[in-house]
Amino acid sequence: MPAVTPPPSAPGVHKNPWAIIPRSCAANVMPHIRPAMPSLEAISASPHYPVAVTPNPVVGGFRFNGSADPQQQLNINGGVIEVDGAVFKGKLIVHMDDLPTTDPSVFAGKKRLVHAAAQGRFKRRVRAAAICTGQEYYAEITAGSGVEWFFEQMLRTCGKAR
């Protein structure tokens, strides 16, 4: 008799927040992001499967670990990513929870799913008002569509998660 898998909503079953990624379709990736989309074989072979973190091809001029290849998968959960651009040079570290490579001590007692930290120097003077951190959306968010309310609630929730 085959083993019975409990439904995801059953008590005690851990839901992996990244589980939806393999079900997503590469055809749905925005055209300006497609150059960074690794092949499905490369994603499947990743030690971080089902997640693949790649450079954003829209933000040009950066080299990660000495390479400008937009399809390179950046190391997460413990590996340092060397960043070198026209304005900034430094290191980046990214941790994501619920992956095969996750160090449980990073997220012990925390509700967050992602932790990112950057360290480095600007190569020239940069006004603090010109620095962007956080989320950036390529699609226009129109007033009255309800989307702005959703994003506000989502960001408030993320800000409160510990």
N, C-alpha and C. Protein backbone atom coordinates (compact mmCIF):
# COMPACT_ATOMS: atom_id res chain seq x y z
N MET A 1 0.84 -1.18 0.00
CA MET A 1 0.00 0.00 0.00
C MET A 1 0.89 1.25 0.00
N PRO A 2 0.66 2.23 -0.89
CA PRO A 2 1.50 3.43 -0.95
C PRO A 2 1.32 4.29 0.31
N ALA A 3 2.42 5.00 0.64
CA ALA A 3 2.37 5.90 1.79
C ALA A 3 1.41 7.04 1.52
N VAL A 4 0.70 7.44 2.54
CA VAL A 4 -0.26 8.53 2.42
C VAL A 4 0.40 9.80 2.91
N THR A 5 0.41 10.81 2.09
CA THR A 5 0.97 12.10 2.47
C THR A 5 -0.15 12.97 3.00
N PRO A 6 0.01 13.52 4.22
CA PRO A 6 -1.05 14.37 4.76
C PRO A 6 -1.17 15.66 3.95
N PRO A 7 -2.37 16.22 3.89
CA PRO A 7 -2.53 17.48 3.16
C PRO A 7 -1.73 18.58 3.85
N PRO A 8 -1.29 19.61 3.08
CA PRO A 8 -0.47 20.68 3.65
C PRO A 8 -1.13 21.40 4.82
N SER A 9 -2.45 21.37 4.89
CA SER A 9 -3.14 22.08 5.96
C SER A 9 -3.25 21.26 7.24
N ALA A 10 -2.79 20.00 7.20
CA ALA A 10 -2.89 19.15 8.38
C ALA A 10 -2.00 19.69 9.49
N PRO A 11 -2.44 19.58 10.76
CA PRO A 11 -1.63 20.07 11.86
C PRO A 11 -0.28 19.35 11.90
N GLY A 12 0.77 20.09 12.21
CA GLY A 12 2.10 19.51 12.33
C GLY A 12 2.86 19.41 11.03
N VAL A 13 2.23 19.72 9.90
CA VAL A 13 2.92 19.66 8.61
C VAL A 13 3.53 21.02 8.34
N HIS A 14 4.84 21.03 8.13
CA HIS A 14 5.56 22.29 7.89
C HIS A 14 5.36 22.73 6.45
N LYS A 15 4.94 23.97 6.27
CA LYS A 15 4.75 24.51 4.92
C LYS A 15 6.00 25.26 4.52
N ASN A 16 6.60 24.88 3.42
CA ASN A 16 7.78 25.55 2.91
C ASN A 16 7.32 26.74 2.07
N PRO A 17 7.71 27.97 2.46
CA PRO A 17 7.24 29.15 1.72
C PRO A 17 7.78 29.22 0.29
N TRP A 18 8.85 28.49 -0.01
CA TRP A 18 9.44 28.54 -1.34
C TRP A 18 8.87 27.46 -2.25
N ALA A 19 7.96 26.62 -1.76
CA ALA A 19 7.45 25.48 -2.53
C ALA A 19 6.74 25.89 -3.81
N ILE A 20 6.21 27.09 -3.88
CA ILE A 20 5.49 27.54 -5.07
C ILE A 20 6.42 27.80 -6.25
N ILE A 21 7.70 28.02 -5.99
CA ILE A 21 8.63 28.41 -7.05
C ILE A 21 8.71 27.39 -8.18
N PRO A 22 8.89 26.07 -7.90
CA PRO A 22 8.97 25.13 -9.02
C PRO A 22 7.70 25.08 -9.86
N ARG A 23 6.57 25.46 -9.27
CA ARG A 23 5.31 25.43 -10.02
C ARG A 23 5.15 26.68 -10.88
N SER A 24 5.97 27.70 -10.64
CA SER A 24 5.86 28.91 -11.45
C SER A 24 6.44 28.61 -12.83
N CYS A 25 6.18 29.47 -13.75
CA CYS A 25 6.55 29.22 -15.14
C CYS A 25 7.53 30.28 -15.63
N ALA A 26 8.60 29.84 -16.26
CA ALA A 26 9.60 30.78 -16.77
C ALA A 26 8.98 31.74 -17.78
N ALA A 27 7.91 31.32 -18.45
CA ALA A 27 7.25 32.19 -19.42
C ALA A 27 6.60 33.40 -18.74
N ASN A 28 6.36 33.31 -17.43
CA ASN A 28 5.75 34.42 -16.71
C ASN A 28 6.76 35.43 -16.18
N VAL A 29 8.04 35.17 -16.39
CA VAL A 29 9.07 36.09 -15.93
C VAL A 29 9.03 37.35 -16.79
N MET A 30 9.12 38.51 -16.14
CA MET A 30 9.07 39.78 -16.88
C MET A 30 10.19 39.82 -17.92
N PRO A 31 9.94 40.36 -19.11
CA PRO A 31 10.94 40.34 -20.18
C PRO A 31 12.28 40.95 -19.79
N HIS A 32 12.28 42.01 -18.98
CA HIS A 32 13.55 42.64 -18.63
C HIS A 32 14.34 41.82 -17.60
N ILE A 33 13.71 40.82 -17.00
CA ILE A 33 14.38 39.95 -16.03
C ILE A 33 14.80 38.63 -16.68
N ARG A 34 14.22 38.28 -17.83
CA ARG A 34 14.51 37.00 -18.48
C ARG A 34 15.99 36.70 -18.68
N PRO A 35 16.85 37.69 -19.00
CA PRO A 35 18.27 37.35 -19.18
C PRO A 35 18.90 36.72 -17.93
N ALA A 36 18.31 36.94 -16.76
CA ALA A 36 18.86 36.38 -15.53
C ALA A 36 18.25 35.03 -15.18
N MET A 37 17.32 34.54 -15.97
CA MET A 37 16.63 33.29 -15.65
C MET A 37 17.50 32.11 -16.02
N PRO A 38 18.03 31.37 -15.02
CA PRO A 38 18.81 30.18 -15.35
C PRO A 38 17.90 29.10 -15.93
N SER A 39 18.52 28.12 -16.55
CA SER A 39 17.73 27.00 -17.10
C SER A 39 17.12 26.22 -15.94
N LEU A 40 16.04 25.48 -16.23
CA LEU A 40 15.42 24.66 -15.20
C LEU A 40 16.38 23.59 -14.69
N GLU A 41 17.28 23.13 -15.56
CA GLU A 41 18.29 22.15 -15.14
C GLU A 41 19.24 22.78 -14.13
N ALA A 42 19.66 24.03 -14.37
CA ALA A 42 20.57 24.71 -13.45
C ALA A 42 19.89 24.96 -12.10
N ILE A 43 18.61 25.30 -12.14
CA ILE A 43 17.89 25.53 -10.88
C ILE A 43 17.75 24.21 -10.13
N SER A 44 17.42 23.13 -10.83
CA SER A 44 17.26 21.82 -10.19
C SER A 44 18.57 21.33 -9.59
N ALA A 45 19.70 21.67 -10.20
CA ALA A 45 21.01 21.23 -9.71
C ALA A 45 21.53 22.10 -8.57
N SER A 46 20.88 23.21 -8.31
CA SER A 46 21.34 24.13 -7.27
C SER A 46 21.22 23.51 -5.89
N PRO A 47 22.22 23.72 -5.03
CA PRO A 47 22.09 23.23 -3.65
C PRO A 47 20.99 23.95 -2.89
N HIS A 48 20.54 25.09 -3.42
CA HIS A 48 19.50 25.90 -2.77
C HIS A 48 18.11 25.63 -3.36
N TYR A 49 18.00 24.59 -4.20
CA TYR A 49 16.72 24.28 -4.85
C TYR A 49 15.59 24.28 -3.82
N PRO A 50 14.47 24.93 -4.10
CA PRO A 50 13.96 25.42 -5.38
C PRO A 50 14.24 26.90 -5.65
N VAL A 51 15.14 27.50 -4.90
CA VAL A 51 15.41 28.94 -5.04
C VAL A 51 16.68 29.16 -5.85
N ALA A 52 16.66 30.14 -6.73
CA ALA A 52 17.84 30.57 -7.47
C ALA A 52 17.91 32.09 -7.35
N VAL A 53 19.01 32.59 -6.83
CA VAL A 53 19.21 34.03 -6.69
C VAL A 53 20.24 34.45 -7.74
N THR A 54 19.84 35.36 -8.62
CA THR A 54 20.72 35.83 -9.70
C THR A 54 20.78 37.36 -9.66
N PRO A 55 21.79 37.95 -10.29
CA PRO A 55 21.85 39.42 -10.37
C PRO A 55 20.68 39.97 -11.18
N ASN A 56 20.29 41.19 -10.87
CA ASN A 56 19.23 41.85 -11.62
C ASN A 56 19.84 42.44 -12.89
N PRO A 57 19.45 41.96 -14.08
CA PRO A 57 20.05 42.46 -15.32
C PRO A 57 19.69 43.91 -15.63
N VAL A 58 18.66 44.43 -15.00
CA VAL A 58 18.26 45.81 -15.24
C VAL A 58 19.28 46.77 -14.62
N VAL A 59 19.86 46.36 -13.50
CA VAL A 59 20.85 47.18 -12.81
C VAL A 59 22.22 46.75 -13.33
N GLY A 60 22.67 47.36 -14.38
CA GLY A 60 23.93 46.97 -15.02
C GLY A 60 25.14 47.56 -14.33
N GLY A 61 26.30 47.12 -14.77
CA GLY A 61 27.55 47.68 -14.28
C GLY A 61 28.10 47.02 -13.03
N PHE A 62 27.45 46.00 -12.53
CA PHE A 62 27.94 45.30 -11.34
C PHE A 62 28.55 43.97 -11.72
N ARG A 63 29.58 43.60 -10.98
CA ARG A 63 30.18 42.27 -11.09
C ARG A 63 29.99 41.59 -9.74
N PHE A 64 29.51 40.36 -9.78
CA PHE A 64 29.33 39.58 -8.57
C PHE A 64 30.31 38.42 -8.61
N ASN A 65 31.13 38.33 -7.59
CA ASN A 65 32.19 37.30 -7.53
C ASN A 65 33.05 37.33 -8.80
N GLY A 66 33.29 38.54 -9.31
CA GLY A 66 34.16 38.73 -10.47
C GLY A 66 33.50 38.50 -11.82
N SER A 67 32.20 38.22 -11.85
CA SER A 67 31.52 37.92 -13.11
C SER A 67 30.32 38.85 -13.31
N ALA A 68 30.11 39.24 -14.57
CA ALA A 68 28.94 40.05 -14.91
C ALA A 68 27.82 39.20 -15.51
N ASP A 69 27.96 37.88 -15.49
CA ASP A 69 26.96 36.97 -16.06
C ASP A 69 25.65 37.08 -15.29
N PRO A 70 24.54 37.52 -15.94
CA PRO A 70 23.29 37.67 -15.21
C PRO A 70 22.65 36.34 -14.81
N GLN A 71 23.10 35.23 -15.38
CA GLN A 71 22.53 33.93 -15.03
C GLN A 71 23.28 33.21 -13.91
N GLN A 72 24.38 33.79 -13.44
CA GLN A 72 25.11 33.12 -12.38
C GLN A 72 24.24 33.06 -11.13
N GLN A 73 24.24 31.93 -10.48
CA GLN A 73 23.49 31.79 -9.25
C GLN A 73 24.38 32.23 -8.10
N LEU A 74 23.89 33.20 -7.35
CA LEU A 74 24.66 33.74 -6.25
C LEU A 74 24.52 32.84 -5.03
N ASN A 75 25.62 32.72 -4.30
CA ASN A 75 25.64 31.84 -3.14
C ASN A 75 24.82 32.45 -2.01
N ILE A 76 23.96 31.65 -1.43
CA ILE A 76 23.16 32.11 -0.30
C ILE A 76 23.38 31.13 0.86
N ASN A 77 22.94 31.53 2.02
CA ASN A 77 23.05 30.71 3.23
C ASN A 77 24.49 30.37 3.58
N GLY A 78 25.30 31.40 3.72
CA GLY A 78 26.64 31.19 4.24
C GLY A 78 27.76 31.67 3.36
N GLY A 79 27.53 31.79 2.09
CA GLY A 79 28.60 32.24 1.21
C GLY A 79 28.61 33.74 1.07
N VAL A 80 29.79 34.32 1.03
CA VAL A 80 29.93 35.76 0.83
C VAL A 80 29.92 36.04 -0.67
N ILE A 81 29.16 37.05 -1.06
CA ILE A 81 29.07 37.47 -2.46
C ILE A 81 29.87 38.76 -2.59
N GLU A 82 30.92 38.74 -3.39
CA GLU A 82 31.73 39.93 -3.64
C GLU A 82 31.01 40.79 -4.67
N VAL A 83 30.84 42.07 -4.38
CA VAL A 83 30.12 43.00 -5.26
C VAL A 83 31.07 44.11 -5.67
N ASP A 84 31.13 44.41 -6.97
CA ASP A 84 31.97 45.50 -7.46
C ASP A 84 31.24 46.21 -8.58
N GLY A 85 30.97 47.49 -8.39
CA GLY A 85 30.30 48.29 -9.39
C GLY A 85 30.99 49.63 -9.56
N ALA A 86 30.41 50.48 -10.37
CA ALA A 86 31.01 51.78 -10.63
C ALA A 86 31.01 52.67 -9.39
N VAL A 87 30.05 52.48 -8.50
CA VAL A 87 29.90 53.36 -7.35
C VAL A 87 30.17 52.65 -6.02
N PHE A 88 30.01 51.32 -5.98
CA PHE A 88 30.11 50.60 -4.71
C PHE A 88 30.95 49.34 -4.86
N LYS A 89 31.74 49.04 -3.83
CA LYS A 89 32.49 47.80 -3.79
C LYS A 89 32.37 47.25 -2.37
N GLY A 90 32.01 45.97 -2.27
CA GLY A 90 31.87 45.38 -0.94
C GLY A 90 31.46 43.94 -0.98
N LYS A 91 30.82 43.52 0.10
CA LYS A 91 30.40 42.14 0.26
C LYS A 91 28.93 42.11 0.63
N LEU A 92 28.27 41.05 0.21
CA LEU A 92 26.87 40.84 0.49
C LEU A 92 26.71 39.42 1.00
N ILE A 93 25.86 39.25 2.00
CA ILE A 93 25.54 37.91 2.48
C ILE A 93 24.02 37.81 2.56
N VAL A 94 23.49 36.70 2.06
CA VAL A 94 22.04 36.48 2.03
C VAL A 94 21.74 35.13 2.66
N HIS A 95 20.79 35.12 3.58
CA HIS A 95 20.31 33.88 4.19
C HIS A 95 18.82 33.75 3.89
N MET A 96 18.40 32.54 3.55
CA MET A 96 16.98 32.26 3.31
C MET A 96 16.61 31.02 4.12
N ASP A 97 15.47 31.09 4.79
CA ASP A 97 15.02 29.99 5.63
C ASP A 97 14.33 28.91 4.79
N ASP A 98 14.23 27.72 5.35
CA ASP A 98 13.51 26.58 4.76
C ASP A 98 14.11 26.07 3.46
N LEU A 99 15.43 26.14 3.32
CA LEU A 99 16.12 25.58 2.17
C LEU A 99 17.07 24.48 2.65
N PRO A 100 17.50 23.58 1.77
CA PRO A 100 18.43 22.53 2.21
C PRO A 100 19.73 23.08 2.79
N THR A 101 20.14 24.28 2.39
CA THR A 101 21.40 24.86 2.85
C THR A 101 21.24 25.81 4.03
N THR A 102 20.04 25.93 4.57
CA THR A 102 19.77 26.87 5.66
C THR A 102 20.48 26.45 6.94
N ASP A 103 21.14 27.42 7.58
CA ASP A 103 21.71 27.21 8.91
C ASP A 103 20.60 27.55 9.90
N PRO A 104 20.08 26.57 10.64
CA PRO A 104 18.94 26.83 11.53
C PRO A 104 19.22 27.90 12.60
N SER A 105 20.48 28.08 12.98
CA SER A 105 20.80 29.06 14.03
C SER A 105 20.54 30.50 13.57
N VAL A 106 20.57 30.74 12.27
CA VAL A 106 20.34 32.10 11.75
C VAL A 106 18.89 32.53 11.99
N PHE A 107 17.97 31.58 11.93
CA PHE A 107 16.55 31.91 12.03
C PHE A 107 15.91 31.42 13.33
N ALA A 108 16.70 30.88 14.24
CA ALA A 108 16.16 30.35 15.50
C ALA A 108 15.44 31.47 16.26
N GLY A 109 14.18 31.23 16.58
CA GLY A 109 13.39 32.21 17.32
C GLY A 109 12.92 33.39 16.50
N LYS A 110 13.11 33.37 15.20
CA LYS A 110 12.74 34.49 14.32
C LYS A 110 11.59 34.07 13.41
N LYS A 111 10.79 35.04 12.99
CA LYS A 111 9.70 34.78 12.04
C LYS A 111 10.10 35.13 10.62
N ARG A 112 11.20 35.81 10.45
CA ARG A 112 11.61 36.25 9.11
C ARG A 112 12.02 35.07 8.25
N LEU A 113 11.94 35.25 6.95
CA LEU A 113 12.31 34.22 5.99
C LEU A 113 13.60 34.55 5.26
N VAL A 114 13.96 35.83 5.22
CA VAL A 114 15.15 36.27 4.49
C VAL A 114 15.93 37.25 5.36
N HIS A 115 17.25 37.12 5.31
CA HIS A 115 18.14 38.07 5.99
C HIS A 115 19.24 38.43 5.00
N ALA A 116 19.44 39.71 4.77
CA ALA A 116 20.50 40.17 3.87
C ALA A 116 21.29 41.26 4.56
N ALA A 117 22.59 41.24 4.36
CA ALA A 117 23.46 42.28 4.94
C ALA A 117 24.52 42.65 3.92
N ALA A 118 24.83 43.93 3.85
CA ALA A 118 25.86 44.42 2.93
C ALA A 118 26.91 45.19 3.72
N GLN A 119 28.14 45.09 3.27
CA GLN A 119 29.24 45.83 3.88
C GLN A 119 30.15 46.26 2.75
N GLY A 120 30.59 47.50 2.77
CA GLY A 120 31.48 47.95 1.71
C GLY A 120 31.69 49.45 1.77
N ARG A 121 32.22 49.97 0.68
CA ARG A 121 32.50 51.40 0.58
C ARG A 121 32.02 51.94 -0.76
N PHE A 122 31.57 53.17 -0.71
CA PHE A 122 31.23 53.85 -1.95
C PHE A 122 32.53 54.38 -2.54
N LYS A 123 32.66 54.31 -3.85
CA LYS A 123 33.87 54.74 -4.53
C LYS A 123 33.92 56.26 -4.72
N ARG A 124 32.79 56.88 -4.54
CA ARG A 124 32.71 58.35 -4.61
C ARG A 124 31.63 58.79 -3.64
N ARG A 125 31.55 60.09 -3.41
CA ARG A 125 30.54 60.61 -2.49
C ARG A 125 29.14 60.36 -3.06
N VAL A 126 28.26 59.88 -2.19
CA VAL A 126 26.88 59.60 -2.58
C VAL A 126 25.97 60.18 -1.51
N ARG A 127 24.99 60.96 -1.95
CA ARG A 127 24.03 61.52 -1.00
C ARG A 127 23.16 60.39 -0.44
N ALA A 128 22.89 60.42 0.85
CA ALA A 128 22.08 59.39 1.49
C ALA A 128 20.70 59.30 0.85
N ALA A 129 20.17 60.43 0.36
CA ALA A 129 18.84 60.42 -0.27
C ALA A 129 18.84 59.65 -1.59
N ALA A 130 20.01 59.41 -2.17
CA ALA A 130 20.10 58.71 -3.45
C ALA A 130 20.22 57.20 -3.27
N ILE A 131 20.36 56.73 -2.03
CA ILE A 131 20.53 55.30 -1.77
C ILE A 131 19.16 54.66 -1.64
N CYS A 132 18.97 53.55 -2.35
CA CYS A 132 17.70 52.83 -2.32
C CYS A 132 17.92 51.46 -1.69
N THR A 133 17.17 51.17 -0.66
CA THR A 133 17.17 49.83 -0.07
C THR A 133 15.73 49.37 0.02
N GLY A 134 15.52 48.08 -0.01
CA GLY A 134 14.16 47.56 0.12
C GLY A 134 13.63 47.05 -1.20
N GLN A 135 12.34 47.21 -1.40
CA GLN A 135 11.68 46.68 -2.59
C GLN A 135 11.58 47.75 -3.67
N GLU A 136 11.70 47.29 -4.90
CA GLU A 136 11.52 48.17 -6.04
C GLU A 136 10.60 47.44 -7.01
N TYR A 137 9.55 48.10 -7.46
CA TYR A 137 8.56 47.45 -8.31
C TYR A 137 8.63 48.04 -9.71
N TYR A 138 8.62 47.16 -10.71
CA TYR A 138 8.71 47.61 -12.09
C TYR A 138 7.35 47.94 -12.68
N ALA A 139 6.31 47.34 -12.14
CA ALA A 139 4.97 47.62 -12.63
C ALA A 139 4.40 48.82 -11.89
N GLU A 140 3.66 49.64 -12.60
CA GLU A 140 3.05 50.82 -11.99
C GLU A 140 1.96 50.39 -11.01
N ILE A 141 1.96 51.02 -9.86
CA ILE A 141 0.92 50.76 -8.86
C ILE A 141 -0.03 51.95 -8.93
N THR A 142 -1.22 51.71 -9.45
CA THR A 142 -2.18 52.80 -9.64
C THR A 142 -3.05 52.98 -8.41
N ALA A 143 -3.33 54.22 -8.10
CA ALA A 143 -4.17 54.54 -6.94
C ALA A 143 -5.58 54.00 -7.16
N GLY A 144 -6.17 53.49 -6.10
CA GLY A 144 -7.53 53.00 -6.17
C GLY A 144 -7.66 51.56 -6.62
N SER A 145 -6.54 50.93 -7.00
CA SER A 145 -6.63 49.54 -7.47
C SER A 145 -6.62 48.54 -6.32
N GLY A 146 -6.30 49.00 -5.14
CA GLY A 146 -6.22 48.10 -3.99
C GLY A 146 -4.83 47.52 -3.81
N VAL A 147 -4.01 47.60 -4.86
CA VAL A 147 -2.67 47.05 -4.79
C VAL A 147 -1.81 47.81 -3.79
N GLU A 148 -1.97 49.15 -3.77
CA GLU A 148 -1.17 49.94 -2.82
C GLU A 148 -1.51 49.58 -1.38
N TRP A 149 -2.78 49.29 -1.11
CA TRP A 149 -3.18 48.87 0.23
C TRP A 149 -2.53 47.53 0.57
N PHE A 150 -2.55 46.60 -0.39
CA PHE A 150 -1.95 45.29 -0.16
C PHE A 150 -0.46 45.41 0.15
N PHE A 151 0.28 46.20 -0.65
CA PHE A 151 1.71 46.35 -0.41
C PHE A 151 1.98 47.02 0.94
N GLU A 152 1.16 48.01 1.29
CA GLU A 152 1.34 48.66 2.58
C GLU A 152 1.17 47.66 3.72
N GLN A 153 0.13 46.82 3.63
CA GLN A 153 -0.10 45.82 4.67
C GLN A 153 1.03 44.79 4.71
N MET A 154 1.47 44.38 3.53
CA MET A 154 2.54 43.39 3.45
C MET A 154 3.83 43.94 4.06
N LEU A 155 4.20 45.16 3.72
CA LEU A 155 5.42 45.74 4.26
C LEU A 155 5.31 46.02 5.75
N ARG A 156 4.14 46.41 6.23
CA ARG A 156 3.94 46.58 7.68
C ARG A 156 4.12 45.24 8.40
N THR A 157 3.56 44.19 7.83
CA THR A 157 3.68 42.87 8.43
C THR A 157 5.13 42.42 8.46
N CYS A 158 5.83 42.62 7.36
CA CYS A 158 7.24 42.25 7.31
C CYS A 158 8.05 43.05 8.32
N GLY A 159 7.71 44.31 8.49
CA GLY A 159 8.41 45.16 9.45
C GLY A 159 8.19 44.73 10.89
N LYS A 160 7.05 44.11 11.16
CA LYS A 160 6.74 43.68 12.52
C LYS A 160 7.24 42.27 12.83
N ALA A 161 7.54 41.49 11.78
CA ALA A 161 7.96 40.09 11.99
C ALA A 161 9.32 40.06 12.69
N ARG A 162 9.41 39.18 13.65
CA ARG A 162 10.68 39.04 14.36
C ARG A 162 11.17 37.62 14.26
